[in-house]
Each structure stands twice: as C-alpha cells, then as structure tokens.
Amino acid sequence: MNRPVLITEAAPSADEQLARRRRKYVVMMACRIPCLVLAGLTAHVWWLALAFLAISIPLPWAAVLIANDVPARRREKVHRLPQAALTRRKPPARR
C-alpha cells in the first residue's frame, strides 16, 4: 500500500493555528456559563454554589492563556523517504 510521503516539517499554517486556538477559547468560555447558572440554581446549598463559582472564576484567565499560546511542534511518526533515496546517485560509468 502506498502511503503519502511527508516532504516538509512545516508547522500548521497561521490560520489553522488561530482557528484551533479560537475553538479552545470558545469551549472554555462556554463551560463558564453553565457554572454560573448552576451557582445561581444551587444558591440554597452555599458550599455547592461556592464550588461552581470557584470553578468559573479562573476560566477566563486560563482561556486567554491557552488561546494565546502557540502550540509546540508535534513529534509524529510519519512516513518519510529513506535518506538514500534523497541523495543524488552517480550515473553508471560509460565504457
């Protein structure tokens, strides 16, 4: 089976990285809304409401930190051409 060969070690494009970071930010901030709603709904149990508030307070800070962080390059096991295939071969000597 022929697998595609990776010929570059380039990082994902800036647009792809921005989209991925934006998605992470939206998901983390979307988790904050239910925490605040649950804190309001469980106000009669003060310790539970306080726990939901405690969870929701650092979420914006963490979301901004994660969204502004450029991801580290991954070490992936990829299919590459053998080094011998990349070097120029000498043509056979003419007789």
PDB file of N, CA and C in Angstrom:
ATOM      1  N   MET A   1       0.842  -1.168   0.000  1.00  0.00           N
ATOM      2  CA  MET A   1       0.000   0.000   0.000  1.00  0.00           C
ATOM      3  C   MET A   1       0.893   1.239   0.000  1.00  0.00           C
ATOM      4  N   ASN A   2       0.660   2.129  -0.924  1.00  0.00           N
ATOM      5  CA  ASN A   2       1.426   3.363  -0.997  1.00  0.00           C
ATOM      6  C   ASN A   2       0.866   4.389  -0.037  1.00  0.00           C
ATOM      7  N   ARG A   3       1.720   4.827   0.862  1.00  0.00           N
ATOM      8  CA  ARG A   3       1.313   5.881   1.779  1.00  0.00           C
ATOM      9  C   ARG A   3       1.917   7.192   1.293  1.00  0.00           C
ATOM     10  N   PRO A   4       1.253   8.299   1.556  1.00  0.00           N
ATOM     11  CA  PRO A   4       1.854   9.574   1.154  1.00  0.00           C
ATOM     12  C   PRO A   4       3.128   9.826   1.952  1.00  0.00           C
ATOM     13  N   VAL A   5       4.058  10.489   1.320  1.00  0.00           N
ATOM     14  CA  VAL A   5       5.343  10.766   1.938  1.00  0.00           C
ATOM     15  C   VAL A   5       5.352  12.213   2.396  1.00  0.00           C
ATOM     16  N   LEU A   6       5.751  12.430   3.643  1.00  0.00           N
ATOM     17  CA  LEU A   6       5.856  13.781   4.165  1.00  0.00           C
ATOM     18  C   LEU A   6       7.160  14.384   3.668  1.00  0.00           C
ATOM     19  N   ILE A   7       7.080  15.532   3.014  1.00  0.00           N
ATOM     20  CA  ILE A   7       8.285  16.144   2.454  1.00  0.00           C
ATOM     21  C   ILE A   7       8.644  17.446   3.152  1.00  0.00           C
ATOM     22  N   THR A   8       7.900  17.823   4.167  1.00  0.00           N
ATOM     23  CA  THR A   8       8.191  19.063   4.876  1.00  0.00           C
ATOM     24  C   THR A   8       8.002  18.890   6.376  1.00  0.00           C
ATOM     25  N   GLU A   9       8.667  19.726   7.121  1.00  0.00           N
ATOM     26  CA  GLU A   9       8.483  19.748   8.564  1.00  0.00           C
ATOM     27  C   GLU A   9       7.821  21.055   8.977  1.00  0.00           C
ATOM     28  N   ALA A  10       7.136  21.684   8.049  1.00  0.00           N
ATOM     29  CA  ALA A  10       6.499  22.973   8.324  1.00  0.00           C
ATOM     30  C   ALA A  10       5.381  22.816   9.348  1.00  0.00           C
ATOM     31  N   ALA A  11       5.239  23.829  10.172  1.00  0.00           N
ATOM     32  CA  ALA A  11       4.174  23.864  11.171  1.00  0.00           C
ATOM     33  C   ALA A  11       2.842  24.143  10.467  1.00  0.00           C
ATOM     34  N   PRO A  12       1.726  23.863  11.129  1.00  0.00           N
ATOM     35  CA  PRO A  12       0.434  24.210  10.534  1.00  0.00           C
ATOM     36  C   PRO A  12       0.377  25.711  10.236  1.00  0.00           C
ATOM     37  N   SER A  13      -0.411  26.087   9.272  1.00  0.00           N
ATOM     38  CA  SER A  13      -0.488  27.494   8.880  1.00  0.00           C
ATOM     39  C   SER A  13      -1.007  28.339  10.036  1.00  0.00           C
ATOM     40  N   ALA A  14      -0.762  29.631   9.941  1.00  0.00           N
ATOM     41  CA  ALA A  14      -1.207  30.559  10.983  1.00  0.00           C
ATOM     42  C   ALA A  14      -2.726  30.555  11.101  1.00  0.00           C
ATOM     43  N   ASP A  15      -3.417  30.419   9.979  1.00  0.00           N
ATOM     44  CA  ASP A  15      -4.887  30.375  10.016  1.00  0.00           C
ATOM     45  C   ASP A  15      -5.390  29.139  10.749  1.00  0.00           C
ATOM     46  N   GLU A  16      -4.752  27.996  10.509  1.00  0.00           N
ATOM     47  CA  GLU A  16      -5.143  26.762  11.203  1.00  0.00           C
ATOM     48  C   GLU A  16      -4.881  26.871  12.697  1.00  0.00           C
ATOM     49  N   GLN A  17      -3.732  27.435  13.063  1.00  0.00           N
ATOM     50  CA  GLN A  17      -3.413  27.599  14.480  1.00  0.00           C
ATOM     51  C   GLN A  17      -4.396  28.549  15.160  1.00  0.00           C
ATOM     52  N   LEU A  18      -4.734  29.654  14.470  1.00  0.00           N
ATOM     53  CA  LEU A  18      -5.676  30.613  15.039  1.00  0.00           C
ATOM     54  C   LEU A  18      -7.052  29.986  15.226  1.00  0.00           C
ATOM     55  N   ALA A  19      -7.499  29.217  14.244  1.00  0.00           N
ATOM     56  CA  ALA A  19      -8.805  28.562  14.347  1.00  0.00           C
ATOM     57  C   ALA A  19      -8.828  27.571  15.507  1.00  0.00           C
ATOM     58  N   ARG A  20      -7.756  26.820  15.684  1.00  0.00           N
ATOM     59  CA  ARG A  20      -7.678  25.848  16.773  1.00  0.00           C
ATOM     60  C   ARG A  20      -7.678  26.553  18.130  1.00  0.00           C
ATOM     61  N   ARG A  21      -6.910  27.644  18.234  1.00  0.00           N
ATOM     62  CA  ARG A  21      -6.863  28.374  19.496  1.00  0.00           C
ATOM     63  C   ARG A  21      -8.191  29.060  19.786  1.00  0.00           C
ATOM     64  N   ARG A  22      -8.848  29.577  18.750  1.00  0.00           N
ATOM     65  CA  ARG A  22     -10.149  30.226  18.930  1.00  0.00           C
ATOM     66  C   ARG A  22     -11.186  29.217  19.422  1.00  0.00           C
ATOM     67  N   ARG A  23     -11.146  28.007  18.857  1.00  0.00           N
ATOM     68  CA  ARG A  23     -12.070  26.954  19.290  1.00  0.00           C
ATOM     69  C   ARG A  23     -11.870  26.601  20.758  1.00  0.00           C
ATOM     70  N   LYS A  24     -10.612  26.471  21.184  1.00  0.00           N
ATOM     71  CA  LYS A  24     -10.327  26.167  22.584  1.00  0.00           C
ATOM     72  C   LYS A  24     -10.865  27.266  23.497  1.00  0.00           C
ATOM     73  N   TYR A  25     -10.686  28.524  23.096  1.00  0.00           N
ATOM     74  CA  TYR A  25     -11.158  29.644  23.895  1.00  0.00           C
ATOM     75  C   TYR A  25     -12.681  29.612  24.027  1.00  0.00           C
ATOM     76  N   VAL A  26     -13.365  29.396  22.916  1.00  0.00           N
ATOM     77  CA  VAL A  26     -14.829  29.372  22.941  1.00  0.00           C
ATOM     78  C   VAL A  26     -15.336  28.232  23.815  1.00  0.00           C
ATOM     79  N   VAL A  27     -14.717  27.074  23.725  1.00  0.00           N
ATOM     80  CA  VAL A  27     -15.157  25.936  24.535  1.00  0.00           C
ATOM     81  C   VAL A  27     -14.964  26.224  26.020  1.00  0.00           C
ATOM     82  N   MET A  28     -13.814  26.788  26.367  1.00  0.00           N
ATOM     83  CA  MET A  28     -13.572  27.075  27.784  1.00  0.00           C
ATOM     84  C   MET A  28     -14.525  28.146  28.309  1.00  0.00           C
ATOM     85  N   MET A  29     -14.789  29.158  27.506  1.00  0.00           N
ATOM     86  CA  MET A  29     -15.706  30.201  27.962  1.00  0.00           C
ATOM     87  C   MET A  29     -17.145  29.680  27.980  1.00  0.00           C
ATOM     88  N   ALA A  30     -17.466  28.749  27.104  1.00  0.00           N
ATOM     89  CA  ALA A  30     -18.807  28.155  27.116  1.00  0.00           C
ATOM     90  C   ALA A  30     -19.003  27.290  28.365  1.00  0.00           C
ATOM     91  N   CYS A  31     -17.926  26.761  28.909  1.00  0.00           N
ATOM     92  CA  CYS A  31     -18.026  25.986  30.151  1.00  0.00           C
ATOM     93  C   CYS A  31     -18.304  26.893  31.346  1.00  0.00           C
ATOM     94  N   ARG A  32     -17.973  28.154  31.224  1.00  0.00           N
ATOM     95  CA  ARG A  32     -18.177  29.073  32.339  1.00  0.00           C
ATOM     96  C   ARG A  32     -19.661  29.388  32.532  1.00  0.00           C
ATOM     97  N   ILE A  33     -20.409  29.483  31.461  1.00  0.00           N
ATOM     98  CA  ILE A  33     -21.836  29.845  31.555  1.00  0.00           C
ATOM     99  C   ILE A  33     -22.610  28.825  32.385  1.00  0.00           C
ATOM    100  N   PRO A  34     -22.502  27.524  32.115  1.00  0.00           N
ATOM    101  CA  PRO A  34     -23.221  26.563  32.966  1.00  0.00           C
ATOM    102  C   PRO A  34     -22.777  26.617  34.429  1.00  0.00           C
ATOM    103  N   CYS A  35     -21.483  26.899  34.654  1.00  0.00           N
ATOM    104  CA  CYS A  35     -21.017  27.001  36.047  1.00  0.00           C
ATOM    105  C   CYS A  35     -21.711  28.151  36.764  1.00  0.00           C
ATOM    106  N   LEU A  36     -21.841  29.285  36.104  1.00  0.00           N
ATOM    107  CA  LEU A  36     -22.507  30.427  36.730  1.00  0.00           C
ATOM    108  C   LEU A  36     -23.994  30.164  36.935  1.00  0.00           C
ATOM    109  N   VAL A  37     -24.630  29.528  35.956  1.00  0.00           N
ATOM    110  CA  VAL A  37     -26.052  29.199  36.087  1.00  0.00           C
ATOM    111  C   VAL A  37     -26.252  28.205  37.227  1.00  0.00           C
ATOM    112  N   LEU A  38     -25.408  27.191  37.284  1.00  0.00           N
ATOM    113  CA  LEU A  38     -25.524  26.209  38.365  1.00  0.00           C
ATOM    114  C   LEU A  38     -25.247  26.836  39.733  1.00  0.00           C
ATOM    115  N   ALA A  39     -24.362  27.812  39.771  1.00  0.00           N
ATOM    116  CA  ALA A  39     -24.106  28.502  41.041  1.00  0.00           C
ATOM    117  C   ALA A  39     -25.357  29.246  41.486  1.00  0.00           C
ATOM    118  N   GLY A  40     -26.069  29.853  40.540  1.00  0.00           N
ATOM    119  CA  GLY A  40     -27.313  30.542  40.881  1.00  0.00           C
ATOM    120  C   GLY A  40     -28.411  29.578  41.289  1.00  0.00           C
ATOM    121  N   LEU A  41     -28.484  28.439  40.610  1.00  0.00           N
ATOM    122  CA  LEU A  41     -29.534  27.468  40.912  1.00  0.00           C
ATOM    123  C   LEU A  41     -29.283  26.740  42.233  1.00  0.00           C
ATOM    124  N   THR A  42     -28.034  26.645  42.627  1.00  0.00           N
ATOM    125  CA  THR A  42     -27.712  25.940  43.873  1.00  0.00           C
ATOM    126  C   THR A  42     -27.362  26.912  45.002  1.00  0.00           C
ATOM    127  N   ALA A  43     -27.884  28.126  44.932  1.00  0.00           N
ATOM    128  CA  ALA A  43     -27.575  29.142  45.945  1.00  0.00           C
ATOM    129  C   ALA A  43     -28.042  28.710  47.336  1.00  0.00           C
ATOM    130  N   HIS A  44     -29.065  27.874  47.404  1.00  0.00           N
ATOM    131  CA  HIS A  44     -29.551  27.417  48.704  1.00  0.00           C
ATOM    132  C   HIS A  44     -28.565  26.456  49.384  1.00  0.00           C
ATOM    133  N   VAL A  45     -27.683  25.833  48.615  1.00  0.00           N
ATOM    134  CA  VAL A  45     -26.604  24.997  49.173  1.00  0.00           C
ATOM    135  C   VAL A  45     -25.323  25.805  48.960  1.00  0.00           C
ATOM    136  N   TRP A  46     -24.949  26.597  49.966  1.00  0.00           N
ATOM    137  CA  TRP A  46     -23.899  27.588  49.797  1.00  0.00           C
ATOM    138  C   TRP A  46     -22.565  27.001  49.359  1.00  0.00           C
ATOM    139  N   TRP A  47     -22.199  25.841  49.866  1.00  0.00           N
ATOM    140  CA  TRP A  47     -20.895  25.276  49.525  1.00  0.00           C
ATOM    141  C   TRP A  47     -20.845  24.794  48.080  1.00  0.00           C
ATOM    142  N   LEU A  48     -21.990  24.328  47.566  1.00  0.00           N
ATOM    143  CA  LEU A  48     -22.042  23.884  46.173  1.00  0.00           C
ATOM    144  C   LEU A  48     -22.004  25.085  45.230  1.00  0.00           C
ATOM    145  N   ALA A  49     -22.742  26.121  45.580  1.00  0.00           N
ATOM    146  CA  ALA A  49     -22.713  27.342  44.775  1.00  0.00           C
ATOM    147  C   ALA A  49     -21.312  27.947  44.778  1.00  0.00           C
ATOM    148  N   LEU A  50     -20.676  27.930  45.922  1.00  0.00           N
ATOM    149  CA  LEU A  50     -19.321  28.457  46.024  1.00  0.00           C
ATOM    150  C   LEU A  50     -18.347  27.626  45.186  1.00  0.00           C
ATOM    151  N   ALA A  51     -18.547  26.329  45.149  1.00  0.00           N
ATOM    152  CA  ALA A  51     -17.687  25.463  44.329  1.00  0.00           C
ATOM    153  C   ALA A  51     -17.844  25.793  42.842  1.00  0.00           C
ATOM    154  N   PHE A  52     -19.090  25.981  42.387  1.00  0.00           N
ATOM    155  CA  PHE A  52     -19.310  26.346  40.981  1.00  0.00           C
ATOM    156  C   PHE A  52     -18.701  27.709  40.664  1.00  0.00           C
ATOM    157  N   LEU A  53     -18.809  28.652  41.598  1.00  0.00           N
ATOM    158  CA  LEU A  53     -18.190  29.961  41.390  1.00  0.00           C
ATOM    159  C   LEU A  53     -16.673  29.847  41.361  1.00  0.00           C
ATOM    160  N   ALA A  54     -16.130  29.041  42.235  1.00  0.00           N
ATOM    161  CA  ALA A  54     -14.677  28.865  42.276  1.00  0.00           C
ATOM    162  C   ALA A  54     -14.152  28.256  40.973  1.00  0.00           C
ATOM    163  N   ILE A  55     -14.944  27.394  40.372  1.00  0.00           N
ATOM    164  CA  ILE A  55     -14.547  26.809  39.079  1.00  0.00           C
ATOM    165  C   ILE A  55     -14.629  27.849  37.979  1.00  0.00           C
ATOM    166  N   SER A  56     -15.655  28.702  38.012  1.00  0.00           N
ATOM    167  CA  SER A  56     -15.875  29.646  36.918  1.00  0.00           C
ATOM    168  C   SER A  56     -14.961  30.861  36.959  1.00  0.00           C
ATOM    169  N   ILE A  57     -14.394  31.179  38.108  1.00  0.00           N
ATOM    170  CA  ILE A  57     -13.566  32.393  38.210  1.00  0.00           C
ATOM    171  C   ILE A  57     -12.267  32.290  37.412  1.00  0.00           C
ATOM    172  N   PRO A  58     -11.471  31.230  37.503  1.00  0.00           N
ATOM    173  CA  PRO A  58     -10.210  31.214  36.744  1.00  0.00           C
ATOM    174  C   PRO A  58     -10.376  30.825  35.265  1.00  0.00           C
ATOM    175  N   LEU A  59     -11.556  30.451  34.839  1.00  0.00           N
ATOM    176  CA  LEU A  59     -11.724  30.017  33.446  1.00  0.00           C
ATOM    177  C   LEU A  59     -11.370  31.102  32.422  1.00  0.00           C
ATOM    178  N   PRO A  60     -11.788  32.361  32.567  1.00  0.00           N
ATOM    179  CA  PRO A  60     -11.388  33.358  31.557  1.00  0.00           C
ATOM    180  C   PRO A  60      -9.870  33.543  31.484  1.00  0.00           C
ATOM    181  N   TRP A  61      -9.222  33.556  32.626  1.00  0.00           N
ATOM    182  CA  TRP A  61      -7.772  33.707  32.656  1.00  0.00           C
ATOM    183  C   TRP A  61      -7.098  32.533  31.940  1.00  0.00           C
ATOM    184  N   ALA A  62      -7.536  31.333  32.266  1.00  0.00           N
ATOM    185  CA  ALA A  62      -6.949  30.144  31.641  1.00  0.00           C
ATOM    186  C   ALA A  62      -7.247  30.109  30.146  1.00  0.00           C
ATOM    187  N   ALA A  63      -8.450  30.527  29.768  1.00  0.00           N
ATOM    188  CA  ALA A  63      -8.823  30.517  28.349  1.00  0.00           C
ATOM    189  C   ALA A  63      -7.951  31.477  27.557  1.00  0.00           C
ATOM    190  N   VAL A  64      -7.672  32.650  28.110  1.00  0.00           N
ATOM    191  CA  VAL A  64      -6.816  33.612  27.410  1.00  0.00           C
ATOM    192  C   VAL A  64      -5.396  33.084  27.306  1.00  0.00           C
ATOM    193  N   LEU A  65      -4.876  32.509  28.386  1.00  0.00           N
ATOM    194  CA  LEU A  65      -3.522  31.956  28.338  1.00  0.00           C
ATOM    195  C   LEU A  65      -3.404  30.850  27.296  1.00  0.00           C
ATOM    196  N   ILE A  66      -4.368  29.962  27.273  1.00  0.00           N
ATOM    197  CA  ILE A  66      -4.323  28.853  26.318  1.00  0.00           C
ATOM    198  C   ILE A  66      -4.523  29.349  24.891  1.00  0.00           C
ATOM    199  N   ALA A  67      -5.420  30.326  24.705  1.00  0.00           N
ATOM    200  CA  ALA A  67      -5.680  30.837  23.355  1.00  0.00           C
ATOM    201  C   ALA A  67      -4.486  31.598  22.796  1.00  0.00           C
ATOM    202  N   ASN A  68      -3.696  32.225  23.643  1.00  0.00           N
ATOM    203  CA  ASN A  68      -2.551  33.000  23.165  1.00  0.00           C
ATOM    204  C   ASN A  68      -1.280  32.179  23.054  1.00  0.00           C
ATOM    205  N   ASP A  69      -1.300  30.958  23.505  1.00  0.00           N
ATOM    206  CA  ASP A  69      -0.130  30.109  23.456  1.00  0.00           C
ATOM    207  C   ASP A  69      -0.038  29.424  22.104  1.00  0.00           C
ATOM    208  N   VAL A  70       1.107  29.558  21.475  1.00  0.00           N
ATOM    209  CA  VAL A  70       1.321  28.864  20.202  1.00  0.00           C
ATOM    210  C   VAL A  70       1.673  27.422  20.537  1.00  0.00           C
ATOM    211  N   PRO A  71       0.990  26.463  19.918  1.00  0.00           N
ATOM    212  CA  PRO A  71       1.243  25.061  20.263  1.00  0.00           C
ATOM    213  C   PRO A  71       2.656  24.619  19.895  1.00  0.00           C
ATOM    214  N   ALA A  72       3.190  23.730  20.690  1.00  0.00           N
ATOM    215  CA  ALA A  72       4.511  23.165  20.411  1.00  0.00           C
ATOM    216  C   ALA A  72       4.426  22.254  19.195  1.00  0.00           C
ATOM    217  N   ARG A  73       5.524  22.155  18.519  1.00  0.00           N
ATOM    218  CA  ARG A  73       5.552  21.260  17.354  1.00  0.00           C
ATOM    219  C   ARG A  73       5.438  19.826  17.817  1.00  0.00           C
ATOM    220  N   ARG A  74       4.641  19.072  17.138  1.00  0.00           N
ATOM    221  CA  ARG A  74       4.427  17.670  17.498  1.00  0.00           C
ATOM    222  C   ARG A  74       5.503  16.796  16.895  1.00  0.00           C
ATOM    223  N   ARG A  75       5.802  15.778  17.629  1.00  0.00           N
ATOM    224  CA  ARG A  75       6.665  14.736  17.097  1.00  0.00           C
ATOM    225  C   ARG A  75       5.755  13.621  16.635  1.00  0.00           C
ATOM    226  N   GLU A  76       5.629  13.503  15.349  1.00  0.00           N
ATOM    227  CA  GLU A  76       4.749  12.482  14.804  1.00  0.00           C
ATOM    228  C   GLU A  76       5.583  11.436  14.092  1.00  0.00           C
ATOM    229  N   LYS A  77       5.083  10.242  14.144  1.00  0.00           N
ATOM    230  CA  LYS A  77       5.735   9.195  13.368  1.00  0.00           C
ATOM    231  C   LYS A  77       5.125   9.259  11.973  1.00  0.00           C
ATOM    232  N   VAL A  78       5.924   9.699  11.034  1.00  0.00           N
ATOM    233  CA  VAL A  78       5.434   9.871   9.669  1.00  0.00           C
ATOM    234  C   VAL A  78       6.257   9.031   8.710  1.00  0.00           C
ATOM    235  N   HIS A  79       5.681   8.803   7.589  1.00  0.00           N
ATOM    236  CA  HIS A  79       6.344   8.035   6.544  1.00  0.00           C
ATOM    237  C   HIS A  79       7.231   8.978   5.746  1.00  0.00           C
ATOM    238  N   ARG A  80       8.525   8.780   5.813  1.00  0.00           N
ATOM    239  CA  ARG A  80       9.477   9.611   5.077  1.00  0.00           C
ATOM    240  C   ARG A  80      10.261   8.732   4.102  1.00  0.00           C
ATOM    241  N   LEU A  81      10.763   9.374   3.077  1.00  0.00           N
ATOM    242  CA  LEU A  81      11.633   8.659   2.160  1.00  0.00           C
ATOM    243  C   LEU A  81      12.937   8.341   2.869  1.00  0.00           C
ATOM    244  N   PRO A  82      13.536   7.200   2.589  1.00  0.00           N
ATOM    245  CA  PRO A  82      14.840   6.899   3.184  1.00  0.00           C
ATOM    246  C   PRO A  82      15.876   7.916   2.715  1.00  0.00           C
ATOM    247  N   GLN A  83      16.868   8.169   3.540  1.00  0.00           N
ATOM    248  CA  GLN A  83      17.895   9.171   3.214  1.00  0.00           C
ATOM    249  C   GLN A  83      18.595   8.815   1.910  1.00  0.00           C
ATOM    250  N   ALA A  84      18.803   7.535   1.660  1.00  0.00           N
ATOM    251  CA  ALA A  84      19.481   7.119   0.432  1.00  0.00           C
ATOM    252  C   ALA A  84      18.694   7.542  -0.805  1.00  0.00           C
ATOM    253  N   ALA A  85      17.391   7.587  -0.713  1.00  0.00           N
ATOM    254  CA  ALA A  85      16.575   7.979  -1.857  1.00  0.00           C
ATOM    255  C   ALA A  85      16.650   9.475  -2.107  1.00  0.00           C
ATOM    256  N   LEU A  86      17.080  10.228  -1.118  1.00  0.00           N
ATOM    257  CA  LEU A  86      17.137  11.677  -1.272  1.00  0.00           C
ATOM    258  C   LEU A  86      18.462  12.153  -1.839  1.00  0.00           C
ATOM    259  N   THR A  87      19.516  11.339  -1.732  1.00  0.00           N
ATOM    260  CA  THR A  87      20.825  11.739  -2.243  1.00  0.00           C
ATOM    261  C   THR A  87      20.897  11.429  -3.729  1.00  0.00           C
ATOM    262  N   ARG A  88      21.659  12.243  -4.419  1.00  0.00           N
ATOM    263  CA  ARG A  88      21.808  12.004  -5.858  1.00  0.00           C
ATOM    264  C   ARG A  88      22.687  10.789  -6.089  1.00  0.00           C
ATOM    265  N   ARG A  89      22.245   9.992  -6.967  1.00  0.00           N
ATOM    266  CA  ARG A  89      23.034   8.810  -7.316  1.00  0.00           C
ATOM    267  C   ARG A  89      23.892   9.128  -8.534  1.00  0.00           C
ATOM    268  N   LYS A  90      25.116   8.588  -8.510  1.00  0.00           N
ATOM    269  CA  LYS A  90      26.001   8.799  -9.660  1.00  0.00           C
ATOM    270  C   LYS A  90      25.523   7.900 -10.811  1.00  0.00           C
ATOM    271  N   PRO A  91      25.530   8.456 -12.002  1.00  0.00           N
ATOM    272  CA  PRO A  91      25.160   7.617 -13.130  1.00  0.00           C
ATOM    273  C   PRO A  91      26.232   6.547 -13.337  1.00  0.00           C
ATOM    274  N   PRO A  92      25.848   5.404 -13.899  1.00  0.00           N
ATOM    275  CA  PRO A  92      26.830   4.338 -14.127  1.00  0.00           C
ATOM    276  C   PRO A  92      27.915   4.811 -15.101  1.00  0.00           C
ATOM    277  N   ALA A  93      29.140   4.350 -14.899  1.00  0.00           N
ATOM    278  CA  ALA A  93      30.265   4.750 -15.748  1.00  0.00           C
ATOM    279  C   ALA A  93      30.079   4.196 -17.146  1.00  0.00           C
ATOM    280  N   ARG A  94      30.394   5.011 -18.139  1.00  0.00           N
ATOM    281  CA  ARG A  94      30.294   4.558 -19.540  1.00  0.00           C
ATOM    282  C   ARG A  94      31.561   3.837 -19.927  1.00  0.00           C
ATOM    283  N   ARG A  95      31.373   2.808 -20.715  1.00  0.00           N
ATOM    284  CA  ARG A  95      32.529   2.043 -21.175  1.00  0.00           C
ATOM    285  C   ARG A  95      32.813   2.310 -22.593  1.00  0.00           C
TER     286      ARG A  95
END
